[in-house]
Amino acid sequence: MRRKCRSCSKQCDICVSIFGYGGIYSALFVNMQFQIKATGILLTPAISSYIEEKLGKLAKFITDMDADNVLAHVEVGKTTGHHKKGKVFRAEVRLRLPGHTVYTEEEAEELYEAIDLIASEARRQIITQKEKNETKKRPHL
């Protein structure tokens, strides 16, 4: 069974051979935009690029959900100003998808660890929602 190509909206061998069958290149057709907010810390270009890299990988799971434009609201920061140990960094993300909103919030000892945790949790939620949608579309026997 061939999937419809996102670039030419039909099942063609040229686009399938160029972009692959459900591979990472099909994620290029989802326009994911990021709104990143930092609370209690300085938002550096390194943090922004790390967030975009980690959450940008979610686009390959969103392509089948008919979402051409996805807006990701991301907030990173410190939970407190005076603590130095423990889970002092937090990250949260809200992705608005068609018919569903993915929201996750995590706390960790390192900021990059918190970003990794929200990316994996958002991935899990997207996959779960896709499976629910596929189950609803199946014909009953």
C-alpha atoms as a PDB file:
ATOM      1  CA  MET A   1       0.000   0.000   0.000  1.00  0.00           C
ATOM      2  CA  ARG A   2       1.456   3.341  -1.064  1.00  0.00           C
ATOM      3  CA  ARG A   3       1.017   6.522   0.903  1.00  0.00           C
ATOM      4  CA  LYS A   4       0.016   9.724  -0.799  1.00  0.00           C
ATOM      5  CA  CYS A   5       2.884  12.080  -1.391  1.00  0.00           C
ATOM      6  CA  ARG A   6       2.698  15.394   0.466  1.00  0.00           C
ATOM      7  CA  SER A   7       4.451  17.352  -2.269  1.00  0.00           C
ATOM      8  CA  CYS A   8       2.301  16.374  -5.242  1.00  0.00           C
ATOM      9  CA  SER A   9      -0.782  14.975  -3.393  1.00  0.00           C
ATOM     10  CA  LYS A  10      -0.835  11.685  -5.254  1.00  0.00           C
ATOM     11  CA  GLN A  11       0.913   8.350  -5.177  1.00  0.00           C
ATOM     12  CA  CYS A  12       3.952   8.777  -7.361  1.00  0.00           C
ATOM     13  CA  ASP A  13       7.114   6.706  -7.588  1.00  0.00           C
ATOM     14  CA  ILE A  14       9.371   9.715  -8.085  1.00  0.00           C
ATOM     15  CA  CYS A  15       8.486  11.407  -4.816  1.00  0.00           C
ATOM     16  CA  VAL A  16       8.508   8.103  -2.935  1.00  0.00           C
ATOM     17  CA  SER A  17      11.995   7.330  -4.226  1.00  0.00           C
ATOM     18  CA  ILE A  18      13.287  10.835  -3.449  1.00  0.00           C
ATOM     19  CA  PHE A  19      11.690  11.391  -0.056  1.00  0.00           C
ATOM     20  CA  GLY A  20      11.407   7.799   1.077  1.00  0.00           C
ATOM     21  CA  TYR A  21       8.458   5.857   2.365  1.00  0.00           C
ATOM     22  CA  GLY A  22       7.587   7.337   5.742  1.00  0.00           C
ATOM     23  CA  GLY A  23      11.209   8.153   6.420  1.00  0.00           C
ATOM     24  CA  ILE A  24      12.661  11.225   8.030  1.00  0.00           C
ATOM     25  CA  TYR A  25      12.431  13.212   4.812  1.00  0.00           C
ATOM     26  CA  SER A  26       8.627  13.121   4.903  1.00  0.00           C
ATOM     27  CA  ALA A  27       8.906  15.285   8.024  1.00  0.00           C
ATOM     28  CA  LEU A  28      10.007  18.181   5.841  1.00  0.00           C
ATOM     29  CA  PHE A  29       6.391  18.850   4.902  1.00  0.00           C
ATOM     30  CA  VAL A  30       5.275  19.696   8.433  1.00  0.00           C
ATOM     31  CA  ASN A  31       5.897  23.330   9.258  1.00  0.00           C
ATOM     32  CA  MET A  32       6.764  23.321  12.955  1.00  0.00           C
ATOM     33  CA  GLN A  33       7.154  26.711  14.572  1.00  0.00           C
ATOM     34  CA  PHE A  34       8.532  27.287  18.051  1.00  0.00           C
ATOM     35  CA  GLN A  35       7.695  29.909  20.666  1.00  0.00           C
ATOM     36  CA  ILE A  36      10.339  29.557  23.360  1.00  0.00           C
ATOM     37  CA  LYS A  37      10.142  31.347  26.700  1.00  0.00           C
ATOM     38  CA  ALA A  38      12.746  31.277  29.469  1.00  0.00           C
ATOM     39  CA  THR A  39      11.857  31.883  33.110  1.00  0.00           C
ATOM     40  CA  GLY A  40      14.609  32.634  35.591  1.00  0.00           C
ATOM     41  CA  ILE A  41      17.423  31.808  33.159  1.00  0.00           C
ATOM     42  CA  LEU A  42      19.012  33.408  30.128  1.00  0.00           C
ATOM     43  CA  LEU A  43      17.785  31.907  26.860  1.00  0.00           C
ATOM     44  CA  THR A  44      20.930  31.276  24.846  1.00  0.00           C
ATOM     45  CA  PRO A  45      21.103  30.286  21.173  1.00  0.00           C
ATOM     46  CA  ALA A  46      22.477  26.907  22.286  1.00  0.00           C
ATOM     47  CA  ILE A  47      19.375  26.210  24.388  1.00  0.00           C
ATOM     48  CA  SER A  48      17.066  27.347  21.581  1.00  0.00           C
ATOM     49  CA  SER A  49      18.794  25.196  18.989  1.00  0.00           C
ATOM     50  CA  TYR A  50      18.762  22.183  21.330  1.00  0.00           C
ATOM     51  CA  ILE A  51      15.012  22.588  21.864  1.00  0.00           C
ATOM     52  CA  GLU A  52      14.388  22.932  18.133  1.00  0.00           C
ATOM     53  CA  GLU A  53      16.557  19.892  17.420  1.00  0.00           C
ATOM     54  CA  LYS A  54      14.891  17.638  20.002  1.00  0.00           C
ATOM     55  CA  LEU A  55      11.303  18.718  19.379  1.00  0.00           C
ATOM     56  CA  GLY A  56      11.827  19.032  15.629  1.00  0.00           C
ATOM     57  CA  LYS A  57      12.259  15.262  15.507  1.00  0.00           C
ATOM     58  CA  LEU A  58       8.594  14.950  16.497  1.00  0.00           C
ATOM     59  CA  ALA A  59       7.576  16.188  13.046  1.00  0.00           C
ATOM     60  CA  LYS A  60       8.054  12.737  11.544  1.00  0.00           C
ATOM     61  CA  PHE A  61       5.347  11.397  13.870  1.00  0.00           C
ATOM     62  CA  ILE A  62       2.971  14.264  13.108  1.00  0.00           C
ATOM     63  CA  THR A  63       3.010  13.911   9.302  1.00  0.00           C
ATOM     64  CA  ASP A  64       0.245  11.289   9.270  1.00  0.00           C
ATOM     65  CA  MET A  65      -2.078  13.441  11.372  1.00  0.00           C
ATOM     66  CA  ASP A  66      -2.838  15.931   8.550  1.00  0.00           C
ATOM     67  CA  ALA A  67      -1.107  18.751  10.387  1.00  0.00           C
ATOM     68  CA  ASP A  68       0.593  21.132   7.995  1.00  0.00           C
ATOM     69  CA  ASN A  69       1.344  23.830  10.574  1.00  0.00           C
ATOM     70  CA  VAL A  70       2.205  22.942  14.159  1.00  0.00           C
ATOM     71  CA  LEU A  71       2.913  25.528  16.831  1.00  0.00           C
ATOM     72  CA  ALA A  72       5.028  24.411  19.785  1.00  0.00           C
ATOM     73  CA  HIS A  73       4.876  26.572  22.907  1.00  0.00           C
ATOM     74  CA  VAL A  74       7.970  25.758  24.973  1.00  0.00           C
ATOM     75  CA  GLU A  75       8.892  27.151  28.362  1.00  0.00           C
ATOM     76  CA  VAL A  76      12.151  26.398  30.145  1.00  0.00           C
ATOM     77  CA  GLY A  77      13.502  27.766  33.398  1.00  0.00           C
ATOM     78  CA  LYS A  78      14.317  27.311  37.033  1.00  0.00           C
ATOM     79  CA  THR A  79      11.712  26.264  39.557  1.00  0.00           C
ATOM     80  CA  THR A  80      13.336  28.335  42.291  1.00  0.00           C
ATOM     81  CA  GLY A  81      15.984  31.003  42.552  1.00  0.00           C
ATOM     82  CA  HIS A  82      17.777  29.946  45.710  1.00  0.00           C
ATOM     83  CA  HIS A  83      18.076  26.145  45.506  1.00  0.00           C
ATOM     84  CA  LYS A  84      21.249  24.712  44.017  1.00  0.00           C
ATOM     85  CA  LYS A  85      20.620  20.945  44.273  1.00  0.00           C
ATOM     86  CA  GLY A  86      17.844  18.647  43.226  1.00  0.00           C
ATOM     87  CA  LYS A  87      15.283  19.105  40.487  1.00  0.00           C
ATOM     88  CA  VAL A  88      15.655  22.837  39.955  1.00  0.00           C
ATOM     89  CA  PHE A  89      15.171  22.997  36.168  1.00  0.00           C
ATOM     90  CA  ARG A  90      11.842  22.570  34.434  1.00  0.00           C
ATOM     91  CA  ALA A  91      10.638  22.394  30.864  1.00  0.00           C
ATOM     92  CA  GLU A  92       7.169  22.246  29.400  1.00  0.00           C
ATOM     93  CA  VAL A  93       5.771  21.981  25.896  1.00  0.00           C
ATOM     94  CA  ARG A  94       2.312  22.403  24.388  1.00  0.00           C
ATOM     95  CA  LEU A  95       1.748  21.185  20.822  1.00  0.00           C
ATOM     96  CA  ARG A  96      -1.556  21.996  19.158  1.00  0.00           C
ATOM     97  CA  LEU A  97      -2.475  19.241  16.709  1.00  0.00           C
ATOM     98  CA  PRO A  98      -5.716  18.718  14.813  1.00  0.00           C
ATOM     99  CA  GLY A  99      -8.259  17.492  17.354  1.00  0.00           C
ATOM    100  CA  HIS A 100      -5.699  17.027  20.113  1.00  0.00           C
ATOM    101  CA  THR A 101      -3.306  19.025  22.286  1.00  0.00           C
ATOM    102  CA  VAL A 102      -0.114  17.457  23.584  1.00  0.00           C
ATOM    103  CA  TYR A 103       1.054  18.919  26.885  1.00  0.00           C
ATOM    104  CA  THR A 104       3.880  17.726  29.065  1.00  0.00           C
ATOM    105  CA  GLU A 105       5.903  19.220  31.891  1.00  0.00           C
ATOM    106  CA  GLU A 106       9.024  17.774  33.503  1.00  0.00           C
ATOM    107  CA  GLU A 107      11.530  18.738  36.189  1.00  0.00           C
ATOM    108  CA  ALA A 108      15.146  17.570  36.335  1.00  0.00           C
ATOM    109  CA  GLU A 109      18.544  18.355  37.796  1.00  0.00           C
ATOM    110  CA  GLU A 110      19.872  19.603  34.439  1.00  0.00           C
ATOM    111  CA  LEU A 111      18.068  21.761  31.878  1.00  0.00           C
ATOM    112  CA  TYR A 112      19.017  19.575  28.928  1.00  0.00           C
ATOM    113  CA  GLU A 113      17.773  16.512  30.800  1.00  0.00           C
ATOM    114  CA  ALA A 114      14.384  18.204  31.312  1.00  0.00           C
ATOM    115  CA  ILE A 115      14.227  19.002  27.578  1.00  0.00           C
ATOM    116  CA  ASP A 116      15.013  15.365  26.737  1.00  0.00           C
ATOM    117  CA  LEU A 117      12.256  14.198  29.094  1.00  0.00           C
ATOM    118  CA  ILE A 118       9.584  16.440  27.557  1.00  0.00           C
ATOM    119  CA  ALA A 119      10.605  15.379  24.055  1.00  0.00           C
ATOM    120  CA  SER A 120      10.273  11.680  24.886  1.00  0.00           C
ATOM    121  CA  GLU A 121       6.970  12.194  26.720  1.00  0.00           C
ATOM    122  CA  ALA A 122       5.536  14.280  23.856  1.00  0.00           C
ATOM    123  CA  ARG A 123       6.626  11.559  21.430  1.00  0.00           C
ATOM    124  CA  ARG A 124       4.837   8.940  23.516  1.00  0.00           C
ATOM    125  CA  GLN A 125       1.647  11.013  23.632  1.00  0.00           C
ATOM    126  CA  ILE A 126       1.682  11.636  19.868  1.00  0.00           C
ATOM    127  CA  ILE A 127       2.167   7.932  19.114  1.00  0.00           C
ATOM    128  CA  THR A 128      -0.645   7.008  21.530  1.00  0.00           C
ATOM    129  CA  GLN A 129      -2.977   9.516  19.863  1.00  0.00           C
ATOM    130  CA  LYS A 130      -2.068   8.207  16.394  1.00  0.00           C
ATOM    131  CA  GLU A 131      -2.853   4.664  17.489  1.00  0.00           C
ATOM    132  CA  LYS A 132      -6.229   5.785  18.857  1.00  0.00           C
ATOM    133  CA  ASN A 133      -7.012   7.551  15.577  1.00  0.00           C
ATOM    134  CA  GLU A 134      -6.060   4.469  13.549  1.00  0.00           C
ATOM    135  CA  THR A 135      -8.228   2.260  15.752  1.00  0.00           C
ATOM    136  CA  LYS A 136     -11.220   4.540  15.193  1.00  0.00           C
ATOM    137  CA  LYS A 137     -10.710   4.476  11.416  1.00  0.00           C
ATOM    138  CA  ARG A 138     -10.634   0.667  11.194  1.00  0.00           C
ATOM    139  CA  PRO A 139     -13.821  -0.943   9.932  1.00  0.00           C
ATOM    140  CA  HIS A 140     -15.613  -3.157  12.402  1.00  0.00           C
ATOM    141  CA  LEU A 141     -15.811  -6.830  11.489  1.00  0.00           C
END
